[in-house]
């Protein structure tokens, strides 16, 4: 599961640019700083390399171990908890 701390994100897009599996897109949701947040829309393709975590200068991203089948079954391929975080 990918978690994004929206209050920490400064919208640098390093996570989007560094992801080898193109898991992220820039969303239309803004945080309190007025920046557009990354959104993991292709989380099933994530290979858990943690490159997005390493590249994030604000440590706003956490990649937890997860089961791909569990994501598909529980969330229909998208991560609802992250989308809820983005709407805050």
C-alpha atoms as a PDB file:
ATOM      1  CA  UNK A   1       0.000   0.000   0.000  1.00  0.00           C
ATOM      2  CA  UNK A   2       1.286   3.458  -0.877  1.00  0.00           C
ATOM      3  CA  UNK A   3       0.592   6.253   1.571  1.00  0.00           C
ATOM      4  CA  UNK A   4       1.129   9.926   0.836  1.00  0.00           C
ATOM      5  CA  UNK A   5       1.216  12.457   3.656  1.00  0.00           C
ATOM      6  CA  UNK A   6      -0.493  15.299   1.836  1.00  0.00           C
ATOM      7  CA  UNK A   7       0.576  17.948   4.369  1.00  0.00           C
ATOM      8  CA  UNK A   8       4.257  17.118   3.789  1.00  0.00           C
ATOM      9  CA  UNK A   9       4.168  17.036  -0.014  1.00  0.00           C
ATOM     10  CA  UNK A  10       5.531  20.100  -1.813  1.00  0.00           C
ATOM     11  CA  UNK A  11       4.593  18.918  -5.303  1.00  0.00           C
ATOM     12  CA  UNK A  12       8.112  18.423  -6.646  1.00  0.00           C
ATOM     13  CA  UNK A  13       6.987  15.425  -8.766  1.00  0.00           C
ATOM     14  CA  UNK A  14      10.180  13.465  -8.071  1.00  0.00           C
ATOM     15  CA  UNK A  15       8.058  10.442  -7.169  1.00  0.00           C
ATOM     16  CA  UNK A  16       6.215  10.655 -10.485  1.00  0.00           C
ATOM     17  CA  UNK A  17       9.407  11.089 -12.497  1.00  0.00           C
ATOM     18  CA  UNK A  18      11.410   8.396 -10.692  1.00  0.00           C
ATOM     19  CA  UNK A  19       8.844   5.585 -10.690  1.00  0.00           C
ATOM     20  CA  UNK A  20       9.927   2.890 -13.178  1.00  0.00           C
ATOM     21  CA  UNK A  21       6.398   1.444 -13.285  1.00  0.00           C
ATOM     22  CA  UNK A  22       4.546   4.749 -13.809  1.00  0.00           C
ATOM     23  CA  UNK A  23       2.420   4.218 -10.729  1.00  0.00           C
ATOM     24  CA  UNK A  24       1.790   7.931 -10.078  1.00  0.00           C
ATOM     25  CA  UNK A  25       0.065  10.766 -11.855  1.00  0.00           C
ATOM     26  CA  UNK A  26      -0.299  14.366 -10.757  1.00  0.00           C
ATOM     27  CA  UNK A  27      -3.811  14.761  -9.390  1.00  0.00           C
ATOM     28  CA  UNK A  28      -6.079  17.777  -9.463  1.00  0.00           C
ATOM     29  CA  UNK A  29      -6.250  17.713  -5.654  1.00  0.00           C
ATOM     30  CA  UNK A  30      -4.351  20.389  -3.751  1.00  0.00           C
ATOM     31  CA  UNK A  31      -2.948  20.239  -0.257  1.00  0.00           C
ATOM     32  CA  UNK A  32      -2.824  23.097   2.268  1.00  0.00           C
ATOM     33  CA  UNK A  33       0.283  24.463   0.545  1.00  0.00           C
ATOM     34  CA  UNK A  34      -1.661  24.792  -2.707  1.00  0.00           C
ATOM     35  CA  UNK A  35       0.356  22.189  -4.599  1.00  0.00           C
ATOM     36  CA  UNK A  36      -1.083  19.401  -6.712  1.00  0.00           C
ATOM     37  CA  UNK A  37      -0.440  16.033  -5.139  1.00  0.00           C
ATOM     38  CA  UNK A  38       0.760  12.802  -6.713  1.00  0.00           C
ATOM     39  CA  UNK A  39      -1.801  10.042  -6.862  1.00  0.00           C
ATOM     40  CA  UNK A  40      -0.919   6.329  -7.110  1.00  0.00           C
ATOM     41  CA  UNK A  41      -3.382   5.276  -9.809  1.00  0.00           C
ATOM     42  CA  UNK A  42      -1.523   2.188 -10.999  1.00  0.00           C
ATOM     43  CA  UNK A  43      -0.600   0.683  -7.651  1.00  0.00           C
ATOM     44  CA  UNK A  44      -1.043  -2.901  -8.865  1.00  0.00           C
ATOM     45  CA  UNK A  45       2.034  -2.384 -11.084  1.00  0.00           C
ATOM     46  CA  UNK A  46       4.185  -1.205  -8.154  1.00  0.00           C
ATOM     47  CA  UNK A  47       7.244  -3.437  -7.755  1.00  0.00           C
ATOM     48  CA  UNK A  48       7.909  -2.100  -4.250  1.00  0.00           C
ATOM     49  CA  UNK A  49      11.343  -0.750  -5.173  1.00  0.00           C
ATOM     50  CA  UNK A  50      10.825   2.183  -2.761  1.00  0.00           C
ATOM     51  CA  UNK A  51      12.478   4.572  -5.213  1.00  0.00           C
ATOM     52  CA  UNK A  52       9.665   7.081  -4.714  1.00  0.00           C
ATOM     53  CA  UNK A  53      10.332   7.015  -0.953  1.00  0.00           C
ATOM     54  CA  UNK A  54      14.044   7.525  -1.489  1.00  0.00           C
ATOM     55  CA  UNK A  55      13.547  10.392  -3.933  1.00  0.00           C
ATOM     56  CA  UNK A  56      10.993  12.284  -1.834  1.00  0.00           C
ATOM     57  CA  UNK A  57      12.861  15.149  -0.126  1.00  0.00           C
ATOM     58  CA  UNK A  58      10.061  15.577   2.413  1.00  0.00           C
ATOM     59  CA  UNK A  59       9.559  11.903   3.297  1.00  0.00           C
ATOM     60  CA  UNK A  60       5.908  12.238   2.346  1.00  0.00           C
ATOM     61  CA  UNK A  61       5.645   8.762   0.778  1.00  0.00           C
ATOM     62  CA  UNK A  62       5.576   5.363   2.449  1.00  0.00           C
ATOM     63  CA  UNK A  63       5.456   2.126   0.476  1.00  0.00           C
ATOM     64  CA  UNK A  64       4.287  -0.747   2.636  1.00  0.00           C
ATOM     65  CA  UNK A  65       4.457  -4.389   1.678  1.00  0.00           C
ATOM     66  CA  UNK A  66       1.191  -5.479   0.168  1.00  0.00           C
ATOM     67  CA  UNK A  67      -0.322  -8.316  -1.805  1.00  0.00           C
ATOM     68  CA  UNK A  68      -1.261  -7.390  -5.379  1.00  0.00           C
ATOM     69  CA  UNK A  69      -4.256  -9.718  -5.351  1.00  0.00           C
ATOM     70  CA  UNK A  70      -5.477  -8.121  -2.138  1.00  0.00           C
ATOM     71  CA  UNK A  71      -5.414  -4.687  -3.761  1.00  0.00           C
ATOM     72  CA  UNK A  72      -7.335  -5.927  -6.787  1.00  0.00           C
ATOM     73  CA  UNK A  73      -9.930  -7.671  -4.635  1.00  0.00           C
ATOM     74  CA  UNK A  74     -10.383  -4.959  -2.014  1.00  0.00           C
ATOM     75  CA  UNK A  75     -10.014  -1.819  -4.097  1.00  0.00           C
ATOM     76  CA  UNK A  76     -10.707  -2.767  -7.698  1.00  0.00           C
ATOM     77  CA  UNK A  77      -7.121  -1.813  -8.572  1.00  0.00           C
ATOM     78  CA  UNK A  78      -7.097   1.606  -6.950  1.00  0.00           C
ATOM     79  CA  UNK A  79      -6.204   2.693  -3.469  1.00  0.00           C
ATOM     80  CA  UNK A  80      -9.200   4.341  -1.865  1.00  0.00           C
ATOM     81  CA  UNK A  81      -7.381   5.292   1.322  1.00  0.00           C
ATOM     82  CA  UNK A  82      -4.907   7.392  -0.671  1.00  0.00           C
ATOM     83  CA  UNK A  83      -7.692   9.084  -2.588  1.00  0.00           C
ATOM     84  CA  UNK A  84      -9.407   9.907   0.697  1.00  0.00           C
ATOM     85  CA  UNK A  85      -6.140  11.398   1.997  1.00  0.00           C
ATOM     86  CA  UNK A  86      -5.854  13.547  -1.114  1.00  0.00           C
ATOM     87  CA  UNK A  87      -9.320  14.989  -0.596  1.00  0.00           C
ATOM     88  CA  UNK A  88      -8.480  16.266   2.896  1.00  0.00           C
END
